[in-house]
Amino acid sequence: MGLEYLFGVVEGPADDYVFKPFWAHDREGERQALLDFLDYVTARREAHPGMHIYHYAAYEKSALLRLAARHGVGEQTVDTLLSENVLVDLYPIVRACLRIGQRSYSIKKLEPLYMGEHGRDGDVTNAAASVVAYADYCELRDGGQADQARELLQGISDYNEYDCESTLRLRDWLAERAAEHGVNCVSPPDRSRFHSRNSPNRKSRSATSQATRPVRHAPPISRLRRSWPLQWDTTIANGSRTGGRISTDWSLRSKTSSTSVTSWW
């Protein structure tokens, strides 16, 4: 059972953000990182009630559910995030609204559209390399090679930070494309009323989560105005990463997943 060793958050605009990592080097650290992250999200929601967490593909949701179940903490908070549609997956939006000359819709394949001169560099350039690098870091750390271990950990952090920035810049790029097509951002329907916590007909958490998660296939851009234009609102998430924007928007990423958070426009 793998360790979720890093949740990263960027705060601020894309050209002037601050990166904040949540590291976990053992199970207890993983538990604490989850709690710290959920506390952070809770505080952000109190300050900005309309905020949402955006991610790319389903990893973030499954990771939060898995970690909460594994450690027996934060389950209520995670359930609330899911049932109140705080998490919004941008991947189906991209798949439904964009055509790219690539075999994959991986975020890395999208980056030529919006990252410009901010290309990826360093030894850690994908999630698999990050996992291998972290295993190497553990060996160096345990072998007393502190300097080499620290350098390797910095490379993992740099990769995570880039994923967060990429998520934030993709969010901005999608918002610009939406504006060009006259798509206005509005709040989605409140689905929590369909599965009220006090309702005697409320299903189990797994069933509720399944029922309330965002649609897997976004509507065509011509229909976004009538459905969920808000889906253009933010950054992505991927495994062990996260990113965001300070005060009104932010995004985040974790070891194998990434996520981003923002207030509605």
C-alpha atoms as a PDB file:
ATOM      1  CA  MET A   1       0.000   0.000   0.000  1.00  0.00           C
ATOM      2  CA  GLY A   2       1.774   3.137  -1.232  1.00  0.00           C
ATOM      3  CA  LEU A   3       2.512   6.248   0.800  1.00  0.00           C
ATOM      4  CA  GLU A   4       0.979   9.572  -0.235  1.00  0.00           C
ATOM      5  CA  TYR A   5       4.189  11.465   0.442  1.00  0.00           C
ATOM      6  CA  LEU A   6       3.334  14.956  -0.777  1.00  0.00           C
ATOM      7  CA  PHE A   7       0.439  17.383  -1.002  1.00  0.00           C
ATOM      8  CA  GLY A   8       1.509  20.672  -2.594  1.00  0.00           C
ATOM      9  CA  VAL A   9      -0.379  23.951  -2.725  1.00  0.00           C
ATOM     10  CA  VAL A  10       0.360  27.121  -4.679  1.00  0.00           C
ATOM     11  CA  GLU A  11      -1.249  30.354  -3.542  1.00  0.00           C
ATOM     12  CA  GLY A  12      -1.430  33.524  -5.553  1.00  0.00           C
ATOM     13  CA  PRO A  13      -1.636  34.491  -9.229  1.00  0.00           C
ATOM     14  CA  ALA A  14       0.209  32.346 -11.760  1.00  0.00           C
ATOM     15  CA  ASP A  15       3.040  34.862 -12.179  1.00  0.00           C
ATOM     16  CA  ASP A  16       3.552  35.441  -8.454  1.00  0.00           C
ATOM     17  CA  TYR A  17       2.458  32.391  -6.466  1.00  0.00           C
ATOM     18  CA  VAL A  18       3.734  30.816  -3.241  1.00  0.00           C
ATOM     19  CA  PHE A  19       4.227  27.044  -3.047  1.00  0.00           C
ATOM     20  CA  LYS A  20       3.356  25.206   0.163  1.00  0.00           C
ATOM     21  CA  PRO A  21       4.098  21.460   0.453  1.00  0.00           C
ATOM     22  CA  PHE A  22       2.555  18.992   2.931  1.00  0.00           C
ATOM     23  CA  TRP A  23       5.111  16.178   3.291  1.00  0.00           C
ATOM     24  CA  ALA A  24       4.593  12.688   4.739  1.00  0.00           C
ATOM     25  CA  HIS A  25       7.501  10.285   5.259  1.00  0.00           C
ATOM     26  CA  ASP A  26       5.670   7.570   7.199  1.00  0.00           C
ATOM     27  CA  ARG A  27       2.108   6.513   8.012  1.00  0.00           C
ATOM     28  CA  GLU A  28       1.797   8.870  10.945  1.00  0.00           C
ATOM     29  CA  GLY A  29       3.067  11.706   8.779  1.00  0.00           C
ATOM     30  CA  GLU A  30       0.581  10.721   6.078  1.00  0.00           C
ATOM     31  CA  ARG A  31      -2.231  10.919   8.614  1.00  0.00           C
ATOM     32  CA  GLN A  32      -1.055  14.338   9.805  1.00  0.00           C
ATOM     33  CA  ALA A  33      -0.645  15.623   6.247  1.00  0.00           C
ATOM     34  CA  LEU A  34      -4.249  14.632   5.510  1.00  0.00           C
ATOM     35  CA  LEU A  35      -5.488  16.408   8.634  1.00  0.00           C
ATOM     36  CA  ASP A  36      -3.416  19.507   7.868  1.00  0.00           C
ATOM     37  CA  PHE A  37      -4.713  19.581   4.323  1.00  0.00           C
ATOM     38  CA  LEU A  38      -8.344  19.174   5.389  1.00  0.00           C
ATOM     39  CA  ASP A  39      -7.904  21.872   8.048  1.00  0.00           C
ATOM     40  CA  TYR A  40      -6.490  24.120   5.354  1.00  0.00           C
ATOM     41  CA  VAL A  41      -9.430  23.471   3.046  1.00  0.00           C
ATOM     42  CA  THR A  42     -11.894  24.013   5.897  1.00  0.00           C
ATOM     43  CA  ALA A  43     -10.304  27.356   6.772  1.00  0.00           C
ATOM     44  CA  ARG A  44     -10.394  28.414   3.130  1.00  0.00           C
ATOM     45  CA  ARG A  45     -14.058  27.477   2.832  1.00  0.00           C
ATOM     46  CA  GLU A  46     -14.885  29.504   5.935  1.00  0.00           C
ATOM     47  CA  ALA A  47     -13.164  32.527   4.414  1.00  0.00           C
ATOM     48  CA  HIS A  48     -14.539  31.881   0.913  1.00  0.00           C
ATOM     49  CA  PRO A  49     -17.786  29.836   1.135  1.00  0.00           C
ATOM     50  CA  GLY A  50     -18.158  29.604  -2.649  1.00  0.00           C
ATOM     51  CA  MET A  51     -14.767  28.060  -3.162  1.00  0.00           C
ATOM     52  CA  HIS A  52     -14.263  24.779  -5.057  1.00  0.00           C
ATOM     53  CA  ILE A  53     -11.399  22.332  -5.464  1.00  0.00           C
ATOM     54  CA  TYR A  54     -10.515  21.502  -9.039  1.00  0.00           C
ATOM     55  CA  HIS A  55      -8.578  18.441 -10.091  1.00  0.00           C
ATOM     56  CA  TYR A  56      -7.670  16.545 -13.230  1.00  0.00           C
ATOM     57  CA  ALA A  57      -9.071  12.985 -13.445  1.00  0.00           C
ATOM     58  CA  ALA A  58     -10.421  10.995 -10.522  1.00  0.00           C
ATOM     59  CA  TYR A  59      -7.301  10.374  -8.424  1.00  0.00           C
ATOM     60  CA  GLU A  60      -7.868  13.130  -5.885  1.00  0.00           C
ATOM     61  CA  LYS A  61     -11.316  11.977  -4.909  1.00  0.00           C
ATOM     62  CA  SER A  62     -10.286   8.351  -4.544  1.00  0.00           C
ATOM     63  CA  ALA A  63      -7.119   9.324  -2.658  1.00  0.00           C
ATOM     64  CA  LEU A  64      -9.023  11.437  -0.133  1.00  0.00           C
ATOM     65  CA  LEU A  65     -11.551   8.649   0.438  1.00  0.00           C
ATOM     66  CA  ARG A  66      -8.794   6.054   0.744  1.00  0.00           C
ATOM     67  CA  LEU A  67      -6.699   8.095   3.188  1.00  0.00           C
ATOM     68  CA  ALA A  68      -9.671   9.010   5.363  1.00  0.00           C
ATOM     69  CA  ALA A  69     -10.682   5.339   5.542  1.00  0.00           C
ATOM     70  CA  ARG A  70      -7.120   4.154   6.138  1.00  0.00           C
ATOM     71  CA  HIS A  71      -6.499   6.482   9.076  1.00  0.00           C
ATOM     72  CA  GLY A  72     -10.044   6.826  10.374  1.00  0.00           C
ATOM     73  CA  VAL A  73      -9.863  10.621  10.409  1.00  0.00           C
ATOM     74  CA  GLY A  74     -11.439  13.413   8.365  1.00  0.00           C
ATOM     75  CA  GLU A  75     -14.150  11.153   6.980  1.00  0.00           C
ATOM     76  CA  GLN A  76     -16.918  13.635   7.701  1.00  0.00           C
ATOM     77  CA  THR A  77     -14.969  16.455   6.065  1.00  0.00           C
ATOM     78  CA  VAL A  78     -14.206  14.403   2.964  1.00  0.00           C
ATOM     79  CA  ASP A  79     -17.831  13.289   2.730  1.00  0.00           C
ATOM     80  CA  THR A  80     -18.932  16.930   2.920  1.00  0.00           C
ATOM     81  CA  LEU A  81     -16.508  17.937   0.174  1.00  0.00           C
ATOM     82  CA  LEU A  82     -17.949  15.236  -2.076  1.00  0.00           C
ATOM     83  CA  SER A  83     -21.634  15.618  -1.248  1.00  0.00           C
ATOM     84  CA  GLU A  84     -21.506  19.410  -1.616  1.00  0.00           C
ATOM     85  CA  ASN A  85     -19.707  19.195  -4.969  1.00  0.00           C
ATOM     86  CA  VAL A  86     -16.670  21.098  -3.741  1.00  0.00           C
ATOM     87  CA  LEU A  87     -14.446  18.921  -5.920  1.00  0.00           C
ATOM     88  CA  VAL A  88     -14.766  19.529  -9.668  1.00  0.00           C
ATOM     89  CA  ASP A  89     -12.954  17.376 -12.205  1.00  0.00           C
ATOM     90  CA  LEU A  90     -11.608  19.350 -15.176  1.00  0.00           C
ATOM     91  CA  TYR A  91     -10.530  16.300 -17.154  1.00  0.00           C
ATOM     92  CA  PRO A  92     -13.964  15.557 -18.674  1.00  0.00           C
ATOM     93  CA  ILE A  93     -14.297  19.260 -19.514  1.00  0.00           C
ATOM     94  CA  VAL A  94     -11.042  19.185 -21.438  1.00  0.00           C
ATOM     95  CA  ARG A  95     -11.969  15.927 -23.178  1.00  0.00           C
ATOM     96  CA  ALA A  96     -15.373  17.241 -24.235  1.00  0.00           C
ATOM     97  CA  CYS A  97     -14.346  20.745 -25.273  1.00  0.00           C
ATOM     98  CA  LEU A  98     -10.832  20.450 -26.726  1.00  0.00           C
ATOM     99  CA  ARG A  99      -9.229  18.563 -29.562  1.00  0.00           C
ATOM    100  CA  ILE A 100      -5.456  18.269 -29.443  1.00  0.00           C
ATOM    101  CA  GLY A 101      -2.927  16.624 -31.751  1.00  0.00           C
ATOM    102  CA  GLN A 102      -1.849  14.069 -29.146  1.00  0.00           C
ATOM    103  CA  ARG A 103      -2.701  10.468 -28.349  1.00  0.00           C
ATOM    104  CA  SER A 104      -3.320  11.364 -24.718  1.00  0.00           C
ATOM    105  CA  TYR A 105      -5.114  14.084 -22.764  1.00  0.00           C
ATOM    106  CA  SER A 106      -2.542  13.976 -19.982  1.00  0.00           C
ATOM    107  CA  ILE A 107      -1.963  17.425 -18.530  1.00  0.00           C
ATOM    108  CA  LYS A 108       1.618  17.222 -19.789  1.00  0.00           C
ATOM    109  CA  LYS A 109       0.303  16.879 -23.343  1.00  0.00           C
ATOM    110  CA  LEU A 110      -1.773  20.034 -22.845  1.00  0.00           C
ATOM    111  CA  GLU A 111       1.050  22.186 -21.513  1.00  0.00           C
ATOM    112  CA  PRO A 112       2.296  23.402 -24.925  1.00  0.00           C
ATOM    113  CA  LEU A 113      -1.029  25.245 -25.182  1.00  0.00           C
ATOM    114  CA  TYR A 114      -0.510  27.462 -22.155  1.00  0.00           C
ATOM    115  CA  MET A 115       2.872  27.025 -20.424  1.00  0.00           C
ATOM    116  CA  GLY A 116       4.856  28.919 -23.062  1.00  0.00           C
ATOM    117  CA  GLU A 117       8.493  29.217 -22.018  1.00  0.00           C
ATOM    118  CA  HIS A 118       7.840  27.569 -18.666  1.00  0.00           C
ATOM    119  CA  GLY A 119       8.900  24.115 -19.836  1.00  0.00           C
ATOM    120  CA  ARG A 120       9.595  21.127 -17.606  1.00  0.00           C
ATOM    121  CA  ASP A 121      13.199  20.433 -16.657  1.00  0.00           C
ATOM    122  CA  GLY A 122      15.074  18.464 -14.009  1.00  0.00           C
ATOM    123  CA  ASP A 123      15.367  14.717 -13.516  1.00  0.00           C
ATOM    124  CA  VAL A 124      11.821  14.225 -12.217  1.00  0.00           C
ATOM    125  CA  THR A 125       9.443  14.881 -15.105  1.00  0.00           C
ATOM    126  CA  ASN A 126       6.499  12.522 -14.505  1.00  0.00           C
ATOM    127  CA  ALA A 127       4.633  10.728 -11.718  1.00  0.00           C
ATOM    128  CA  ALA A 128       6.497   7.435 -12.186  1.00  0.00           C
ATOM    129  CA  ALA A 129       9.854   9.207 -11.941  1.00  0.00           C
ATOM    130  CA  SER A 130       8.624  10.952  -8.799  1.00  0.00           C
ATOM    131  CA  VAL A 131       7.812   7.621  -7.136  1.00  0.00           C
ATOM    132  CA  VAL A 132      11.207   6.176  -8.081  1.00  0.00           C
ATOM    133  CA  ALA A 133      12.966   9.329  -6.884  1.00  0.00           C
ATOM    134  CA  TYR A 134      11.187   9.152  -3.547  1.00  0.00           C
ATOM    135  CA  ALA A 135      12.254   5.520  -3.083  1.00  0.00           C
ATOM    136  CA  ASP A 136      15.845   6.582  -3.849  1.00  0.00           C
ATOM    137  CA  TYR A 137      15.498   9.430  -1.359  1.00  0.00           C
ATOM    138  CA  CYS A 138      14.478   6.968   1.379  1.00  0.00           C
ATOM    139  CA  GLU A 139      17.522   4.802   0.665  1.00  0.00           C
ATOM    140  CA  LEU A 140      19.868   7.801   0.775  1.00  0.00           C
ATOM    141  CA  ARG A 141      18.242   9.126   3.940  1.00  0.00           C
ATOM    142  CA  ASP A 142      18.445   5.777   5.693  1.00  0.00           C
ATOM    143  CA  GLY A 143      22.034   5.384   4.497  1.00  0.00           C
ATOM    144  CA  GLY A 144      23.068   8.629   6.142  1.00  0.00           C
ATOM    145  CA  GLN A 145      23.629  10.508   2.881  1.00  0.00           C
ATOM    146  CA  ALA A 146      21.699  13.541   3.991  1.00  0.00           C
ATOM    147  CA  ASP A 147      22.942  15.999   1.373  1.00  0.00           C
ATOM    148  CA  GLN A 148      22.140  13.749  -1.583  1.00  0.00           C
ATOM    149  CA  ALA A 149      18.784  12.841  -0.053  1.00  0.00           C
ATOM    150  CA  ARG A 150      17.904  16.504   0.429  1.00  0.00           C
ATOM    151  CA  GLU A 151      18.809  17.292  -3.179  1.00  0.00           C
ATOM    152  CA  LEU A 152      16.634  14.457  -4.453  1.00  0.00           C
ATOM    153  CA  LEU A 153      13.715  15.553  -2.300  1.00  0.00           C
ATOM    154  CA  GLN A 154      14.035  19.062  -3.720  1.00  0.00           C
ATOM    155  CA  GLY A 155      13.742  17.633  -7.219  1.00  0.00           C
ATOM    156  CA  ILE A 156      10.498  15.903  -6.248  1.00  0.00           C
ATOM    157  CA  SER A 157       9.239  19.140  -4.716  1.00  0.00           C
ATOM    158  CA  ASP A 158      10.130  21.082  -7.871  1.00  0.00           C
ATOM    159  CA  TYR A 159       8.196  18.588  -9.995  1.00  0.00           C
ATOM    160  CA  ASN A 160       5.194  18.839  -7.697  1.00  0.00           C
ATOM    161  CA  GLU A 161       5.339  22.621  -7.763  1.00  0.00           C
ATOM    162  CA  TYR A 162       5.456  22.649 -11.547  1.00  0.00           C
ATOM    163  CA  ASP A 163       2.350  20.458 -11.655  1.00  0.00           C
ATOM    164  CA  CYS A 164       0.600  22.963  -9.413  1.00  0.00           C
ATOM    165  CA  GLU A 165       1.649  25.873 -11.585  1.00  0.00           C
ATOM    166  CA  SER A 166       0.588  23.966 -14.691  1.00  0.00           C
ATOM    167  CA  THR A 167      -2.810  23.377 -13.140  1.00  0.00           C
ATOM    168  CA  LEU A 168      -3.190  27.036 -12.317  1.00  0.00           C
ATOM    169  CA  ARG A 169      -2.143  28.164 -15.781  1.00  0.00           C
ATOM    170  CA  LEU A 170      -4.455  25.649 -17.445  1.00  0.00           C
ATOM    171  CA  ARG A 171      -7.318  27.012 -15.387  1.00  0.00           C
ATOM    172  CA  ASP A 172      -6.533  30.534 -16.546  1.00  0.00           C
ATOM    173  CA  TRP A 173      -6.176  29.417 -20.150  1.00  0.00           C
ATOM    174  CA  LEU A 174      -9.527  27.594 -20.076  1.00  0.00           C
ATOM    175  CA  ALA A 175     -11.172  30.655 -18.531  1.00  0.00           C
ATOM    176  CA  GLU A 176      -9.814  32.805 -21.354  1.00  0.00           C
ATOM    177  CA  ARG A 177     -11.149  30.377 -23.960  1.00  0.00           C
ATOM    178  CA  ALA A 178     -14.528  30.365 -22.212  1.00  0.00           C
ATOM    179  CA  ALA A 179     -14.646  34.165 -22.244  1.00  0.00           C
ATOM    180  CA  GLU A 180     -13.841  34.199 -25.960  1.00  0.00           C
ATOM    181  CA  HIS A 181     -16.927  32.037 -26.565  1.00  0.00           C
ATOM    182  CA  GLY A 182     -19.176  34.076 -24.302  1.00  0.00           C
ATOM    183  CA  VAL A 183     -19.385  31.403 -21.599  1.00  0.00           C
ATOM    184  CA  ASN A 184     -20.402  32.869 -18.245  1.00  0.00           C
ATOM    185  CA  CYS A 185     -19.427  31.167 -15.003  1.00  0.00           C
ATOM    186  CA  VAL A 186     -22.256  30.320 -12.616  1.00  0.00           C
ATOM    187  CA  SER A 187     -22.664  28.012  -9.648  1.00  0.00           C
ATOM    188  CA  PRO A 188     -23.706  24.382 -10.254  1.00  0.00           C
ATOM    189  CA  PRO A 189     -26.953  22.972  -8.905  1.00  0.00           C
ATOM    190  CA  ASP A 190     -26.916  22.126  -5.198  1.00  0.00           C
ATOM    191  CA  ARG A 191     -27.087  18.352  -5.242  1.00  0.00           C
ATOM    192  CA  SER A 192     -26.704  17.934  -1.493  1.00  0.00           C
ATOM    193  CA  ARG A 193     -30.492  18.273  -1.152  1.00  0.00           C
ATOM    194  CA  PHE A 194     -30.910  15.003  -3.027  1.00  0.00           C
ATOM    195  CA  HIS A 195     -29.000  13.136  -0.318  1.00  0.00           C
ATOM    196  CA  SER A 196     -29.566  15.032   2.894  1.00  0.00           C
ATOM    197  CA  ARG A 197     -27.594  13.699   5.850  1.00  0.00           C
ATOM    198  CA  ASN A 198     -30.796  13.554   7.891  1.00  0.00           C
ATOM    199  CA  SER A 199     -32.824  11.781   5.257  1.00  0.00           C
ATOM    200  CA  PRO A 200     -33.905   8.228   6.192  1.00  0.00           C
ATOM    201  CA  ASN A 201     -33.399   7.274   2.542  1.00  0.00           C
ATOM    202  CA  ARG A 202     -29.783   8.377   2.449  1.00  0.00           C
ATOM    203  CA  LYS A 203     -27.517   5.781   0.878  1.00  0.00           C
ATOM    204  CA  SER A 204     -24.126   4.646   2.122  1.00  0.00           C
ATOM    205  CA  ARG A 205     -21.177   6.974   1.611  1.00  0.00           C
ATOM    206  CA  SER A 206     -19.952   5.053  -1.404  1.00  0.00           C
ATOM    207  CA  ALA A 207     -23.358   5.261  -3.060  1.00  0.00           C
ATOM    208  CA  THR A 208     -23.754   8.925  -2.160  1.00  0.00           C
ATOM    209  CA  SER A 209     -20.294   9.776  -3.450  1.00  0.00           C
ATOM    210  CA  GLN A 210     -21.099   7.986  -6.684  1.00  0.00           C
ATOM    211  CA  ALA A 211     -24.349   9.896  -7.054  1.00  0.00           C
ATOM    212  CA  THR A 212     -22.978  13.326  -6.322  1.00  0.00           C
ATOM    213  CA  ARG A 213     -19.679  13.308  -8.160  1.00  0.00           C
ATOM    214  CA  PRO A 214     -19.441  15.680 -11.174  1.00  0.00           C
ATOM    215  CA  VAL A 215     -20.492  14.242 -14.512  1.00  0.00           C
ATOM    216  CA  ARG A 216     -17.815  12.188 -16.227  1.00  0.00           C
ATOM    217  CA  HIS A 217     -18.512  13.759 -19.611  1.00  0.00           C
ATOM    218  CA  ALA A 218     -18.973  17.502 -19.782  1.00  0.00           C
ATOM    219  CA  PRO A 219     -21.578  19.026 -22.084  1.00  0.00           C
ATOM    220  CA  PRO A 220     -20.469  20.628 -25.356  1.00  0.00           C
ATOM    221  CA  ILE A 221     -19.292  24.209 -25.092  1.00  0.00           C
ATOM    222  CA  SER A 222     -22.483  25.434 -26.763  1.00  0.00           C
ATOM    223  CA  ARG A 223     -24.481  24.093 -23.799  1.00  0.00           C
ATOM    224  CA  LEU A 224     -22.157  25.182 -21.011  1.00  0.00           C
ATOM    225  CA  ARG A 225     -24.032  28.424 -20.569  1.00  0.00           C
ATOM    226  CA  ARG A 226     -27.088  26.476 -19.464  1.00  0.00           C
ATOM    227  CA  SER A 227     -25.334  23.864 -17.353  1.00  0.00           C
ATOM    228  CA  TRP A 228     -21.967  24.209 -15.592  1.00  0.00           C
ATOM    229  CA  PRO A 229     -19.950  27.082 -17.083  1.00  0.00           C
ATOM    230  CA  LEU A 230     -18.337  27.244 -13.671  1.00  0.00           C
ATOM    231  CA  GLN A 231     -16.345  24.213 -14.662  1.00  0.00           C
ATOM    232  CA  TRP A 232     -13.962  26.573 -16.388  1.00  0.00           C
ATOM    233  CA  ASP A 233     -13.110  28.007 -12.999  1.00  0.00           C
ATOM    234  CA  THR A 234      -9.760  26.602 -11.954  1.00  0.00           C
ATOM    235  CA  THR A 235      -6.664  24.546 -11.851  1.00  0.00           C
ATOM    236  CA  ILE A 236      -6.061  20.831 -12.003  1.00  0.00           C
ATOM    237  CA  ALA A 237      -4.819  18.180  -9.626  1.00  0.00           C
ATOM    238  CA  ASN A 238      -2.789  15.053 -10.073  1.00  0.00           C
ATOM    239  CA  GLY A 239      -1.806  12.325  -7.633  1.00  0.00           C
ATOM    240  CA  SER A 240       0.640  13.935  -5.294  1.00  0.00           C
ATOM    241  CA  ARG A 241       0.168  17.592  -6.092  1.00  0.00           C
ATOM    242  CA  THR A 242      -2.123  20.515  -5.576  1.00  0.00           C
ATOM    243  CA  GLY A 243      -2.221  24.212  -6.423  1.00  0.00           C
ATOM    244  CA  GLY A 244      -4.266  27.337  -5.819  1.00  0.00           C
ATOM    245  CA  ARG A 245      -4.778  31.050  -5.810  1.00  0.00           C
ATOM    246  CA  ILE A 246      -4.625  33.228  -2.761  1.00  0.00           C
ATOM    247  CA  SER A 247      -7.682  34.977  -1.290  1.00  0.00           C
ATOM    248  CA  THR A 248     -10.166  34.021  -3.975  1.00  0.00           C
ATOM    249  CA  ASP A 249      -8.583  31.162  -5.891  1.00  0.00           C
ATOM    250  CA  TRP A 250      -6.108  28.388  -5.148  1.00  0.00           C
ATOM    251  CA  SER A 251      -5.125  24.980  -6.427  1.00  0.00           C
ATOM    252  CA  LEU A 252      -3.420  21.949  -4.994  1.00  0.00           C
ATOM    253  CA  ARG A 253      -1.694  18.661  -5.830  1.00  0.00           C
ATOM    254  CA  SER A 254      -0.722  15.456  -3.939  1.00  0.00           C
ATOM    255  CA  LYS A 255       1.773  12.599  -4.639  1.00  0.00           C
ATOM    256  CA  THR A 256      -0.221  10.862  -7.316  1.00  0.00           C
ATOM    257  CA  SER A 257      -2.927  13.407  -7.755  1.00  0.00           C
ATOM    258  CA  SER A 258      -3.317  17.107  -8.110  1.00  0.00           C
ATOM    259  CA  THR A 259      -6.069  19.528  -7.292  1.00  0.00           C
ATOM    260  CA  SER A 260      -6.907  23.177  -7.424  1.00  0.00           C
ATOM    261  CA  VAL A 261      -9.272  25.402  -5.548  1.00  0.00           C
ATOM    262  CA  THR A 262     -10.972  28.664  -6.417  1.00  0.00           C
ATOM    263  CA  SER A 263     -13.931  30.850  -5.609  1.00  0.00           C
ATOM    264  CA  TRP A 264     -16.687  31.155  -8.176  1.00  0.00           C
ATOM    265  CA  TRP A 265     -16.513  34.209 -10.382  1.00  0.00           C
END
